[in-house]
C-alpha atoms as a PDB file:
ATOM      1  CA  UNK A   1     120.971  94.302  74.520  1.00  0.00           C
ATOM      2  CA  UNK A   2     120.435  90.708  74.992  1.00  0.00           C
ATOM      3  CA  UNK A   3     117.377  88.774  75.433  1.00  0.00           C
ATOM      4  CA  UNK A   4     115.908  88.810  78.702  1.00  0.00           C
ATOM      5  CA  UNK A   5     112.619  89.148  80.425  1.00  0.00           C
ATOM      6  CA  UNK A   6     111.647  92.045  82.319  1.00  0.00           C
ATOM      7  CA  UNK A   7     110.175  92.251  85.464  1.00  0.00           C
ATOM      8  CA  UNK A   8     109.962  94.305  88.563  1.00  0.00           C
ATOM      9  CA  UNK A   9     110.047  92.483  92.214  1.00  0.00           C
ATOM     10  CA  UNK A  10     106.640  91.122  91.173  1.00  0.00           C
ATOM     11  CA  UNK A  11     103.207  91.613  90.648  1.00  0.00           C
ATOM     12  CA  UNK A  12     100.520  93.203  93.499  1.00  0.00           C
ATOM     13  CA  UNK A  13      98.349  90.669  95.401  1.00  0.00           C
ATOM     14  CA  UNK A  14      95.269  90.182  93.890  1.00  0.00           C
ATOM     15  CA  UNK A  15      96.249  90.355  90.031  1.00  0.00           C
ATOM     16  CA  UNK A  16      97.971  88.755  87.334  1.00  0.00           C
ATOM     17  CA  UNK A  17     100.874  90.308  86.271  1.00  0.00           C
ATOM     18  CA  UNK A  18     101.600  89.261  82.168  1.00  0.00           C
ATOM     19  CA  UNK A  19     105.421  89.790  81.048  1.00  0.00           C
ATOM     20  CA  UNK A  20     107.107  91.359  77.920  1.00  0.00           C
ATOM     21  CA  UNK A  21     109.970  90.024  75.888  1.00  0.00           C
ATOM     22  CA  UNK A  22     113.021  92.906  75.519  1.00  0.00           C
ATOM     23  CA  UNK A  23     114.727  92.043  72.358  1.00  0.00           C
ATOM     24  CA  UNK A  24     114.901  91.025  68.732  1.00  0.00           C
ATOM     25  CA  UNK A  25     113.988  87.458  68.131  1.00  0.00           C
ATOM     26  CA  UNK A  26     117.107  85.035  67.982  1.00  0.00           C
ATOM     27  CA  UNK A  27     116.215  81.555  67.323  1.00  0.00           C
ATOM     28  CA  UNK A  28     116.957  79.510  70.733  1.00  0.00           C
ATOM     29  CA  UNK A  29     117.306  82.174  72.573  1.00  0.00           C
ATOM     30  CA  UNK A  30     113.832  83.520  72.088  1.00  0.00           C
ATOM     31  CA  UNK A  31     112.179  80.103  71.808  1.00  0.00           C
ATOM     32  CA  UNK A  32     114.032  79.783  75.199  1.00  0.00           C
ATOM     33  CA  UNK A  33     112.676  82.800  76.633  1.00  0.00           C
ATOM     34  CA  UNK A  34     109.072  81.919  74.869  1.00  0.00           C
ATOM     35  CA  UNK A  35     109.277  78.926  77.322  1.00  0.00           C
ATOM     36  CA  UNK A  36     110.749  81.017  80.898  1.00  0.00           C
ATOM     37  CA  UNK A  37     107.618  83.416  79.814  1.00  0.00           C
ATOM     38  CA  UNK A  38     105.170  80.753  80.412  1.00  0.00           C
ATOM     39  CA  UNK A  39     106.194  78.470  82.836  1.00  0.00           C
ATOM     40  CA  UNK A  40     105.962  82.384  85.074  1.00  0.00           C
ATOM     41  CA  UNK A  41     102.597  82.933  83.919  1.00  0.00           C
ATOM     42  CA  UNK A  42     101.730  79.708  84.846  1.00  0.00           C
ATOM     43  CA  UNK A  43     102.885  80.043  87.888  1.00  0.00           C
ATOM     44  CA  UNK A  44     101.666  83.387  88.484  1.00  0.00           C
ATOM     45  CA  UNK A  45      98.167  84.056  90.472  1.00  0.00           C
ATOM     46  CA  UNK A  46      95.009  84.998  88.503  1.00  0.00           C
ATOM     47  CA  UNK A  47      92.664  86.993  90.787  1.00  0.00           C
ATOM     48  CA  UNK A  48      89.706  85.385  89.873  1.00  0.00           C
ATOM     49  CA  UNK A  49      85.920  86.223  92.031  1.00  0.00           C
ATOM     50  CA  UNK A  50      82.689  83.517  91.816  1.00  0.00           C
ATOM     51  CA  UNK A  51      79.258  85.327  90.835  1.00  0.00           C
ATOM     52  CA  UNK A  52      76.026  84.436  91.606  1.00  0.00           C
ATOM     53  CA  UNK A  53      74.622  85.409  87.863  1.00  0.00           C
ATOM     54  CA  UNK A  54      71.173  87.567  89.738  1.00  0.00           C
ATOM     55  CA  UNK A  55      68.086  88.304  87.667  1.00  0.00           C
ATOM     56  CA  UNK A  56      66.792  90.765  85.731  1.00  0.00           C
ATOM     57  CA  UNK A  57      64.374  92.412  87.909  1.00  0.00           C
ATOM     58  CA  UNK A  58      66.853  91.307  90.676  1.00  0.00           C
ATOM     59  CA  UNK A  59      70.043  93.276  88.962  1.00  0.00           C
ATOM     60  CA  UNK A  60      67.570  96.485  88.700  1.00  0.00           C
ATOM     61  CA  UNK A  61      65.995  96.749  92.178  1.00  0.00           C
ATOM     62  CA  UNK A  62      69.223  96.399  93.682  1.00  0.00           C
ATOM     63  CA  UNK A  63      71.181  98.907  91.800  1.00  0.00           C
ATOM     64  CA  UNK A  64      71.544 101.927  93.156  1.00  0.00           C
ATOM     65  CA  UNK A  65      71.756 103.475  89.417  1.00  0.00           C
ATOM     66  CA  UNK A  66      70.916 102.592  85.983  1.00  0.00           C
ATOM     67  CA  UNK A  67      72.381 104.583  83.181  1.00  0.00           C
ATOM     68  CA  UNK A  68      72.975 104.990  79.491  1.00  0.00           C
ATOM     69  CA  UNK A  69      75.771 107.046  77.702  1.00  0.00           C
ATOM     70  CA  UNK A  70      78.486 106.818  76.568  1.00  0.00           C
ATOM     71  CA  UNK A  71      82.324 106.374  78.069  1.00  0.00           C
ATOM     72  CA  UNK A  72      84.941 109.040  78.036  1.00  0.00           C
ATOM     73  CA  UNK A  73      88.128 107.937  79.402  1.00  0.00           C
ATOM     74  CA  UNK A  74      89.368 105.280  81.161  1.00  0.00           C
ATOM     75  CA  UNK A  75      91.992 105.355  83.915  1.00  0.00           C
ATOM     76  CA  UNK A  76      94.530 102.598  85.567  1.00  0.00           C
ATOM     77  CA  UNK A  77      96.042 103.219  88.713  1.00  0.00           C
ATOM     78  CA  UNK A  78      96.909 101.141  91.782  1.00  0.00           C
ATOM     79  CA  UNK A  79      94.821 101.114  94.215  1.00  0.00           C
ATOM     80  CA  UNK A  80      93.977  99.913  98.439  1.00  0.00           C
ATOM     81  CA  UNK A  81      96.680  99.003 100.605  1.00  0.00           C
ATOM     82  CA  UNK A  82      96.951  95.687  98.139  1.00  0.00           C
ATOM     83  CA  UNK A  83      98.372  97.962  95.439  1.00  0.00           C
ATOM     84  CA  UNK A  84      96.781  96.309  92.734  1.00  0.00           C
ATOM     85  CA  UNK A  85      95.506  97.925  89.664  1.00  0.00           C
ATOM     86  CA  UNK A  86      92.021  99.187  88.777  1.00  0.00           C
ATOM     87  CA  UNK A  87      90.130 101.353  85.985  1.00  0.00           C
ATOM     88  CA  UNK A  88      88.192 104.267  86.487  1.00  0.00           C
ATOM     89  CA  UNK A  89      86.099 105.315  83.584  1.00  0.00           C
ATOM     90  CA  UNK A  90      84.037 108.174  82.927  1.00  0.00           C
ATOM     91  CA  UNK A  91      80.891 108.141  81.346  1.00  0.00           C
ATOM     92  CA  UNK A  92      79.104 110.685  79.402  1.00  0.00           C
ATOM     93  CA  UNK A  93      75.233 110.311  80.293  1.00  0.00           C
ATOM     94  CA  UNK A  94      72.483 110.224  78.241  1.00  0.00           C
ATOM     95  CA  UNK A  95      69.845 108.670  80.163  1.00  0.00           C
ATOM     96  CA  UNK A  96      69.278 108.309  83.962  1.00  0.00           C
ATOM     97  CA  UNK A  97      66.878 105.067  83.651  1.00  0.00           C
ATOM     98  CA  UNK A  98      67.116 104.568  88.375  1.00  0.00           C
ATOM     99  CA  UNK A  99      69.194 106.787  90.674  1.00  0.00           C
ATOM    100  CA  UNK A 100      70.614 110.500  90.839  1.00  0.00           C
ATOM    101  CA  UNK A 101      73.323 110.643  88.180  1.00  0.00           C
ATOM    102  CA  UNK A 102      74.645 114.337  86.919  1.00  0.00           C
ATOM    103  CA  UNK A 103      76.142 115.230  82.798  1.00  0.00           C
ATOM    104  CA  UNK A 104      78.766 112.164  84.038  1.00  0.00           C
ATOM    105  CA  UNK A 105      79.423 109.546  85.908  1.00  0.00           C
ATOM    106  CA  UNK A 106      81.926 107.927  87.104  1.00  0.00           C
ATOM    107  CA  UNK A 107      82.675 103.833  87.819  1.00  0.00           C
ATOM    108  CA  UNK A 108      85.742 101.271  88.128  1.00  0.00           C
ATOM    109  CA  UNK A 109      86.392  97.881  87.207  1.00  0.00           C
ATOM    110  CA  UNK A 110      89.102  96.035  88.731  1.00  0.00           C
ATOM    111  CA  UNK A 111      92.032  95.003  85.846  1.00  0.00           C
ATOM    112  CA  UNK A 112      93.887  96.739  83.684  1.00  0.00           C
ATOM    113  CA  UNK A 113      97.894  98.143  83.075  1.00  0.00           C
ATOM    114  CA  UNK A 114     100.250 100.539  83.961  1.00  0.00           C
ATOM    115  CA  UNK A 115     103.737 100.279  83.246  1.00  0.00           C
ATOM    116  CA  UNK A 116     105.107  97.232  82.242  1.00  0.00           C
ATOM    117  CA  UNK A 117     101.638  95.658  84.237  1.00  0.00           C
ATOM    118  CA  UNK A 118      98.190  94.233  83.575  1.00  0.00           C
ATOM    119  CA  UNK A 119      95.525  93.045  86.320  1.00  0.00           C
ATOM    120  CA  UNK A 120      93.243  90.607  84.970  1.00  0.00           C
ATOM    121  CA  UNK A 121      90.301  89.270  85.891  1.00  0.00           C
ATOM    122  CA  UNK A 122      87.821  86.895  85.196  1.00  0.00           C
ATOM    123  CA  UNK A 123      84.189  88.092  84.880  1.00  0.00           C
ATOM    124  CA  UNK A 124      85.914  91.978  84.161  1.00  0.00           C
ATOM    125  CA  UNK A 125      84.310  94.457  81.246  1.00  0.00           C
ATOM    126  CA  UNK A 126      86.940  95.924  79.548  1.00  0.00           C
ATOM    127  CA  UNK A 127      86.032  99.303  78.305  1.00  0.00           C
ATOM    128  CA  UNK A 128      87.881 102.019  75.811  1.00  0.00           C
ATOM    129  CA  UNK A 129      86.167 105.610  74.808  1.00  0.00           C
ATOM    130  CA  UNK A 130      84.052 105.906  72.978  1.00  0.00           C
ATOM    131  CA  UNK A 131      82.149 102.359  73.925  1.00  0.00           C
ATOM    132  CA  UNK A 132      78.185 103.182  73.825  1.00  0.00           C
ATOM    133  CA  UNK A 133      77.005 101.200  76.868  1.00  0.00           C
ATOM    134  CA  UNK A 134      73.855 100.723  79.771  1.00  0.00           C
ATOM    135  CA  UNK A 135      75.388 100.403  83.621  1.00  0.00           C
ATOM    136  CA  UNK A 136      73.653  98.379  86.250  1.00  0.00           C
ATOM    137  CA  UNK A 137      75.806 100.575  88.909  1.00  0.00           C
ATOM    138  CA  UNK A 138      76.012  99.134  92.237  1.00  0.00           C
ATOM    139  CA  UNK A 139      77.597 100.989  95.269  1.00  0.00           C
ATOM    140  CA  UNK A 140      77.454 104.193  97.864  1.00  0.00           C
ATOM    141  CA  UNK A 141      79.335 107.404  97.689  1.00  0.00           C
ATOM    142  CA  UNK A 142      81.927 108.161  99.497  1.00  0.00           C
ATOM    143  CA  UNK A 143      82.664 104.820  97.456  1.00  0.00           C
ATOM    144  CA  UNK A 144      82.776 104.697  93.455  1.00  0.00           C
ATOM    145  CA  UNK A 145      80.661 102.498  92.495  1.00  0.00           C
ATOM    146  CA  UNK A 146      80.930  99.052  90.014  1.00  0.00           C
ATOM    147  CA  UNK A 147      78.890  97.529  87.612  1.00  0.00           C
ATOM    148  CA  UNK A 148      76.447  94.675  89.362  1.00  0.00           C
ATOM    149  CA  UNK A 149      78.117  91.180  89.446  1.00  0.00           C
ATOM    150  CA  UNK A 150      80.677  92.828  86.398  1.00  0.00           C
ATOM    151  CA  UNK A 151      80.029  91.839  82.901  1.00  0.00           C
ATOM    152  CA  UNK A 152      76.735  91.354  84.445  1.00  0.00           C
ATOM    153  CA  UNK A 153      75.763  94.588  84.597  1.00  0.00           C
ATOM    154  CA  UNK A 154      77.112  96.071  81.445  1.00  0.00           C
ATOM    155  CA  UNK A 155      74.963  96.446  78.522  1.00  0.00           C
ATOM    156  CA  UNK A 156      76.159  97.169  75.482  1.00  0.00           C
ATOM    157  CA  UNK A 157      74.841  99.096  72.656  1.00  0.00           C
ATOM    158  CA  UNK A 158      75.476  97.774  69.100  1.00  0.00           C
ATOM    159  CA  UNK A 159      74.866 100.610  65.956  1.00  0.00           C
ATOM    160  CA  UNK A 160      73.414  98.547  62.809  1.00  0.00           C
ATOM    161  CA  UNK A 161      71.836  99.272  59.655  1.00  0.00           C
ATOM    162  CA  UNK A 162      68.281  99.244  61.244  1.00  0.00           C
ATOM    163  CA  UNK A 163      69.462 101.366  64.334  1.00  0.00           C
ATOM    164  CA  UNK A 164      71.139 100.582  67.948  1.00  0.00           C
ATOM    165  CA  UNK A 165      70.384  97.536  69.713  1.00  0.00           C
ATOM    166  CA  UNK A 166      71.412  96.353  72.911  1.00  0.00           C
ATOM    167  CA  UNK A 167      73.407  92.889  73.944  1.00  0.00           C
ATOM    168  CA  UNK A 168      73.416  90.502  75.506  1.00  0.00           C
ATOM    169  CA  UNK A 169      69.081  90.230  74.806  1.00  0.00           C
ATOM    170  CA  UNK A 170      67.304  90.227  78.014  1.00  0.00           C
ATOM    171  CA  UNK A 171      64.144  87.522  78.323  1.00  0.00           C
ATOM    172  CA  UNK A 172      60.957  89.545  78.792  1.00  0.00           C
ATOM    173  CA  UNK A 173      58.968  86.200  79.544  1.00  0.00           C
ATOM    174  CA  UNK A 174      58.807  84.658  82.960  1.00  0.00           C
ATOM    175  CA  UNK A 175      61.150  81.277  83.532  1.00  0.00           C
ATOM    176  CA  UNK A 176      63.619  78.726  82.672  1.00  0.00           C
ATOM    177  CA  UNK A 177      65.430  80.692  79.275  1.00  0.00           C
ATOM    178  CA  UNK A 178      65.127  78.246  76.276  1.00  0.00           C
ATOM    179  CA  UNK A 179      67.386  78.909  73.045  1.00  0.00           C
ATOM    180  CA  UNK A 180      65.511  80.208  70.522  1.00  0.00           C
ATOM    181  CA  UNK A 181      63.196  82.030  72.444  1.00  0.00           C
ATOM    182  CA  UNK A 182      61.289  84.758  70.699  1.00  0.00           C
ATOM    183  CA  UNK A 183      60.812  86.119  73.932  1.00  0.00           C
ATOM    184  CA  UNK A 184      64.494  86.687  74.409  1.00  0.00           C
ATOM    185  CA  UNK A 185      65.699  89.454  72.085  1.00  0.00           C
ATOM    186  CA  UNK A 186      67.890  91.367  71.081  1.00  0.00           C
ATOM    187  CA  UNK A 187      66.053  95.501  71.923  1.00  0.00           C
ATOM    188  CA  UNK A 188      66.638  99.158  71.279  1.00  0.00           C
ATOM    189  CA  UNK A 189      67.484 101.145  74.211  1.00  0.00           C
ATOM    190  CA  UNK A 190      64.277 102.586  74.503  1.00  0.00           C
ATOM    191  CA  UNK A 191      62.627  99.079  75.201  1.00  0.00           C
ATOM    192  CA  UNK A 192      65.364  97.806  76.487  1.00  0.00           C
ATOM    193  CA  UNK A 193      63.896 101.351  79.204  1.00  0.00           C
ATOM    194  CA  UNK A 194      60.658 100.040  79.501  1.00  0.00           C
ATOM    195  CA  UNK A 195      62.132  96.919  80.937  1.00  0.00           C
ATOM    196  CA  UNK A 196      63.753  98.491  83.232  1.00  0.00           C
ATOM    197  CA  UNK A 197      61.187 100.179  84.259  1.00  0.00           C
ATOM    198  CA  UNK A 198      58.564  96.834  84.909  1.00  0.00           C
ATOM    199  CA  UNK A 199      61.092  94.993  86.047  1.00  0.00           C
ATOM    200  CA  UNK A 200      61.578  98.318  88.550  1.00  0.00           C
ATOM    201  CA  UNK A 201      57.570  98.248  89.132  1.00  0.00           C
ATOM    202  CA  UNK A 202      57.267  94.344  89.366  1.00  0.00           C
ATOM    203  CA  UNK A 203      56.699  92.285  91.929  1.00  0.00           C
ATOM    204  CA  UNK A 204      59.680  90.942  93.980  1.00  0.00           C
ATOM    205  CA  UNK A 205      60.118  87.442  93.177  1.00  0.00           C
ATOM    206  CA  UNK A 206      61.223  85.740  96.377  1.00  0.00           C
ATOM    207  CA  UNK A 207      63.350  82.306  95.992  1.00  0.00           C
ATOM    208  CA  UNK A 208      61.650  78.976  97.164  1.00  0.00           C
ATOM    209  CA  UNK A 209      62.430  77.593 100.216  1.00  0.00           C
ATOM    210  CA  UNK A 210      64.374  74.344 100.452  1.00  0.00           C
ATOM    211  CA  UNK A 211      62.734  71.855 103.811  1.00  0.00           C
ATOM    212  CA  UNK A 212      64.067  69.164 104.803  1.00  0.00           C
ATOM    213  CA  UNK A 213      62.462  66.237 104.364  1.00  0.00           C
ATOM    214  CA  UNK A 214      62.949  63.582 107.050  1.00  0.00           C
ATOM    215  CA  UNK A 215      63.835  60.221 106.409  1.00  0.00           C
ATOM    216  CA  UNK A 216      62.068  57.536 106.864  1.00  0.00           C
ATOM    217  CA  UNK A 217      63.317  54.874 109.320  1.00  0.00           C
END
Protein backbone atom coordinates (compact mmCIF):
# COMPACT_ATOMS: atom_id res chain seq x y z
CA UNK A 1 0.00 0.00 0.00
CA UNK A 2 1.41 3.39 -0.95
CA UNK A 3 1.71 6.27 1.49
CA UNK A 4 -1.41 8.41 1.47
CA UNK A 5 -3.76 10.52 3.57
CA UNK A 6 -7.14 9.05 4.43
CA UNK A 7 -10.10 11.44 4.21
CA UNK A 8 -13.77 11.18 3.37
CA UNK A 9 -15.72 13.99 1.68
CA UNK A 10 -14.71 16.33 4.50
CA UNK A 11 -15.45 16.93 8.19
CA UNK A 12 -18.90 18.02 9.39
CA UNK A 13 -19.34 21.69 10.15
CA UNK A 14 -18.33 22.99 13.56
CA UNK A 15 -15.26 20.86 14.10
CA UNK A 16 -11.71 20.06 13.15
CA UNK A 17 -10.75 16.59 12.02
CA UNK A 18 -7.18 15.41 12.18
CA UNK A 19 -5.91 13.24 9.28
CA UNK A 20 -3.86 10.12 9.87
CA UNK A 21 -1.00 8.77 7.77
CA UNK A 22 -1.52 5.32 6.26
CA UNK A 23 1.43 3.09 5.38
CA UNK A 24 4.99 2.77 6.64
CA UNK A 25 7.40 5.74 6.54
CA UNK A 26 9.52 5.67 3.37
CA UNK A 27 11.98 8.53 3.28
CA UNK A 28 10.92 11.43 1.10
CA UNK A 29 7.41 10.02 0.55
CA UNK A 30 6.75 10.21 4.28
CA UNK A 31 8.09 13.76 4.52
CA UNK A 32 5.92 14.91 1.60
CA UNK A 33 2.87 13.22 3.11
CA UNK A 34 3.57 14.83 6.50
CA UNK A 35 3.87 18.28 4.92
CA UNK A 36 0.57 17.71 3.12
CA UNK A 37 -1.05 16.68 6.40
CA UNK A 38 0.17 19.85 8.12
CA UNK A 39 -1.18 22.00 5.28
CA UNK A 40 -4.57 20.25 5.44
CA UNK A 41 -4.81 20.60 9.22
CA UNK A 42 -3.74 24.25 9.09
CA UNK A 43 -6.53 24.97 6.64
CA UNK A 44 -9.17 23.02 8.58
CA UNK A 45 -11.71 25.00 10.61
CA UNK A 46 -11.15 25.01 14.35
CA UNK A 47 -14.30 25.12 16.45
CA UNK A 48 -14.08 27.74 19.18
CA UNK A 49 -16.42 29.58 21.49
CA UNK A 50 -15.69 32.83 23.31
CA UNK A 51 -16.58 32.37 26.98
CA UNK A 52 -16.65 35.15 29.56
CA UNK A 53 -15.30 33.79 32.88
CA UNK A 54 -17.84 33.79 35.70
CA UNK A 55 -16.98 34.09 39.37
CA UNK A 56 -17.56 31.11 41.65
CA UNK A 57 -20.74 32.49 43.22
CA UNK A 58 -22.34 33.34 39.89
CA UNK A 59 -21.51 29.90 38.52
CA UNK A 60 -23.01 28.18 41.56
CA UNK A 61 -26.23 30.23 41.43
CA UNK A 62 -26.76 29.84 37.68
CA UNK A 63 -26.06 26.09 37.51
CA UNK A 64 -29.09 23.80 37.65
CA UNK A 65 -27.13 20.87 39.09
CA UNK A 66 -23.89 20.62 41.10
CA UNK A 67 -22.68 17.07 41.75
CA UNK A 68 -19.60 15.11 42.76
CA UNK A 69 -18.97 11.70 41.29
CA UNK A 70 -16.93 9.34 39.14
CA UNK A 71 -17.06 9.03 35.37
CA UNK A 72 -18.46 5.64 34.40
CA UNK A 73 -18.40 5.84 30.62
CA UNK A 74 -17.71 8.19 27.71
CA UNK A 75 -19.52 7.70 24.40
CA UNK A 76 -19.13 9.81 21.28
CA UNK A 77 -21.83 10.44 18.70
CA UNK A 78 -22.78 12.58 15.72
CA UNK A 79 -25.34 15.15 16.82
CA UNK A 80 -27.48 17.94 15.42
CA UNK A 81 -28.46 18.92 11.92
CA UNK A 82 -24.84 19.94 11.25
CA UNK A 83 -23.62 16.46 12.26
CA UNK A 84 -21.01 17.63 14.73
CA UNK A 85 -19.30 15.26 17.16
CA UNK A 86 -20.04 15.37 20.87
CA UNK A 87 -19.19 13.19 23.87
CA UNK A 88 -21.92 11.94 26.21
CA UNK A 89 -20.60 11.12 29.69
CA UNK A 90 -22.28 9.04 32.39
CA UNK A 91 -21.40 10.00 35.97
CA UNK A 92 -21.93 7.87 39.07
CA UNK A 93 -23.13 10.44 41.63
CA UNK A 94 -21.62 10.40 45.12
CA UNK A 95 -22.95 13.75 46.38
CA UNK A 96 -25.47 16.33 45.16
CA UNK A 97 -24.80 19.91 46.26
CA UNK A 98 -27.56 21.56 44.25
CA UNK A 99 -30.55 20.28 42.32
CA UNK A 100 -31.86 16.71 42.12
CA UNK A 101 -29.84 13.81 40.73
CA UNK A 102 -30.29 10.06 40.75
CA UNK A 103 -27.67 7.39 41.21
CA UNK A 104 -26.27 8.39 37.83
CA UNK A 105 -26.50 11.52 35.71
CA UNK A 106 -25.61 12.16 32.08
CA UNK A 107 -24.03 15.28 30.58
CA UNK A 108 -22.38 16.19 27.30
CA UNK A 109 -19.44 18.16 25.99
CA UNK A 110 -18.53 19.13 22.43
CA UNK A 111 -15.73 17.18 20.79
CA UNK A 112 -14.55 13.61 20.57
CA UNK A 113 -13.69 10.96 18.02
CA UNK A 114 -15.98 8.99 15.73
CA UNK A 115 -14.17 6.52 13.51
CA UNK A 116 -11.24 8.23 11.81
CA UNK A 117 -12.45 11.73 12.64
CA UNK A 118 -11.91 13.86 15.69
CA UNK A 119 -13.54 17.15 16.62
CA UNK A 120 -11.41 19.53 18.70
CA UNK A 121 -13.02 22.49 20.46
CA UNK A 122 -11.00 25.00 22.43
CA UNK A 123 -12.03 25.16 26.08
CA UNK A 124 -13.95 21.87 26.03
CA UNK A 125 -12.93 19.45 28.80
CA UNK A 126 -12.14 15.80 28.13
CA UNK A 127 -13.06 12.86 30.34
CA UNK A 128 -12.08 9.23 30.77
CA UNK A 129 -13.67 6.47 32.84
CA UNK A 130 -12.54 6.67 36.45
CA UNK A 131 -12.16 10.47 36.59
CA UNK A 132 -13.36 11.92 39.91
CA UNK A 133 -14.93 15.33 39.34
CA UNK A 134 -17.21 18.00 40.72
CA UNK A 135 -19.47 19.39 38.00
CA UNK A 136 -21.49 22.58 37.70
CA UNK A 137 -24.08 21.61 35.08
CA UNK A 138 -26.39 23.94 33.19
CA UNK A 139 -29.36 22.90 31.09
CA UNK A 140 -32.87 21.61 31.67
CA UNK A 141 -34.60 18.49 30.37
CA UNK A 142 -35.23 17.32 27.72
CA UNK A 143 -31.85 18.79 26.72
CA UNK A 144 -28.73 17.07 28.08
CA UNK A 145 -26.89 19.39 30.44
CA UNK A 146 -23.39 20.71 29.79
CA UNK A 147 -20.72 21.98 32.21
CA UNK A 148 -21.14 25.66 32.98
CA UNK A 149 -18.72 27.53 30.73
CA UNK A 150 -17.29 24.20 29.57
CA UNK A 151 -14.00 23.80 31.52
CA UNK A 152 -15.01 26.51 34.01
CA UNK A 153 -17.64 24.19 35.45
CA UNK A 154 -15.33 21.19 35.91
CA UNK A 155 -13.27 20.61 39.06
CA UNK A 156 -11.00 17.58 39.29
CA UNK A 157 -10.44 15.54 42.44
CA UNK A 158 -6.85 14.38 42.87
CA UNK A 159 -5.85 11.65 45.31
CA UNK A 160 -2.69 12.43 47.26
CA UNK A 161 -0.93 10.95 50.27
CA UNK A 162 -2.64 13.44 52.55
CA UNK A 163 -6.10 12.76 51.08
CA UNK A 164 -8.23 14.12 48.26
CA UNK A 165 -7.96 17.70 46.99
CA UNK A 166 -10.08 19.61 44.49
CA UNK A 167 -8.40 21.47 41.65
CA UNK A 168 -8.27 24.20 40.51
CA UNK A 169 -8.20 26.07 43.79
CA UNK A 170 -11.14 28.25 44.78
CA UNK A 171 -10.63 31.79 46.06
CA UNK A 172 -12.48 31.92 49.39
CA UNK A 173 -12.00 35.68 49.83
CA UNK A 174 -13.71 38.42 47.85
CA UNK A 175 -11.80 40.70 45.58
CA UNK A 176 -9.12 40.37 42.94
CA UNK A 177 -7.21 37.09 42.81
CA UNK A 178 -3.57 37.58 43.83
CA UNK A 179 -0.79 35.06 43.20
CA UNK A 180 0.19 33.42 46.50
CA UNK A 181 -3.01 34.53 48.26
CA UNK A 182 -3.52 32.03 51.15
CA UNK A 183 -7.30 32.24 50.65
CA UNK A 184 -6.83 30.60 47.25
CA UNK A 185 -5.82 27.11 48.32
CA UNK A 186 -6.76 23.56 47.36
CA UNK A 187 -9.72 22.22 49.33
CA UNK A 188 -10.82 18.73 50.19
CA UNK A 189 -14.25 17.72 48.77
CA UNK A 190 -16.09 18.42 52.05
CA UNK A 191 -14.61 21.94 52.35
CA UNK A 192 -15.39 22.55 48.67
CA UNK A 193 -19.02 21.57 49.28
CA UNK A 194 -19.20 24.09 52.11
CA UNK A 195 -17.91 26.79 49.77
CA UNK A 196 -20.65 25.88 47.31
CA UNK A 197 -23.30 26.26 50.01
CA UNK A 198 -21.85 29.62 51.07
CA UNK A 199 -21.98 30.77 47.45
CA UNK A 200 -25.61 29.66 47.14
CA UNK A 201 -26.77 31.31 50.37
CA UNK A 202 -24.62 34.43 50.12
CA UNK A 203 -25.82 37.73 48.66
CA UNK A 204 -25.88 38.05 44.91
CA UNK A 205 -23.24 40.50 43.73
CA UNK A 206 -24.31 42.69 40.83
CA UNK A 207 -21.68 43.97 38.40
CA UNK A 208 -20.94 47.69 38.60
CA UNK A 209 -22.96 49.91 36.28
CA UNK A 210 -20.90 52.03 33.94
CA UNK A 211 -22.32 55.49 33.42
CA UNK A 212 -21.51 57.78 30.57
CA UNK A 213 -19.58 60.88 31.64
CA UNK A 214 -20.30 63.96 29.54
CA UNK A 215 -17.24 65.54 27.97
CA UNK A 216 -16.42 69.10 28.86
CA UNK A 217 -16.73 71.49 25.95
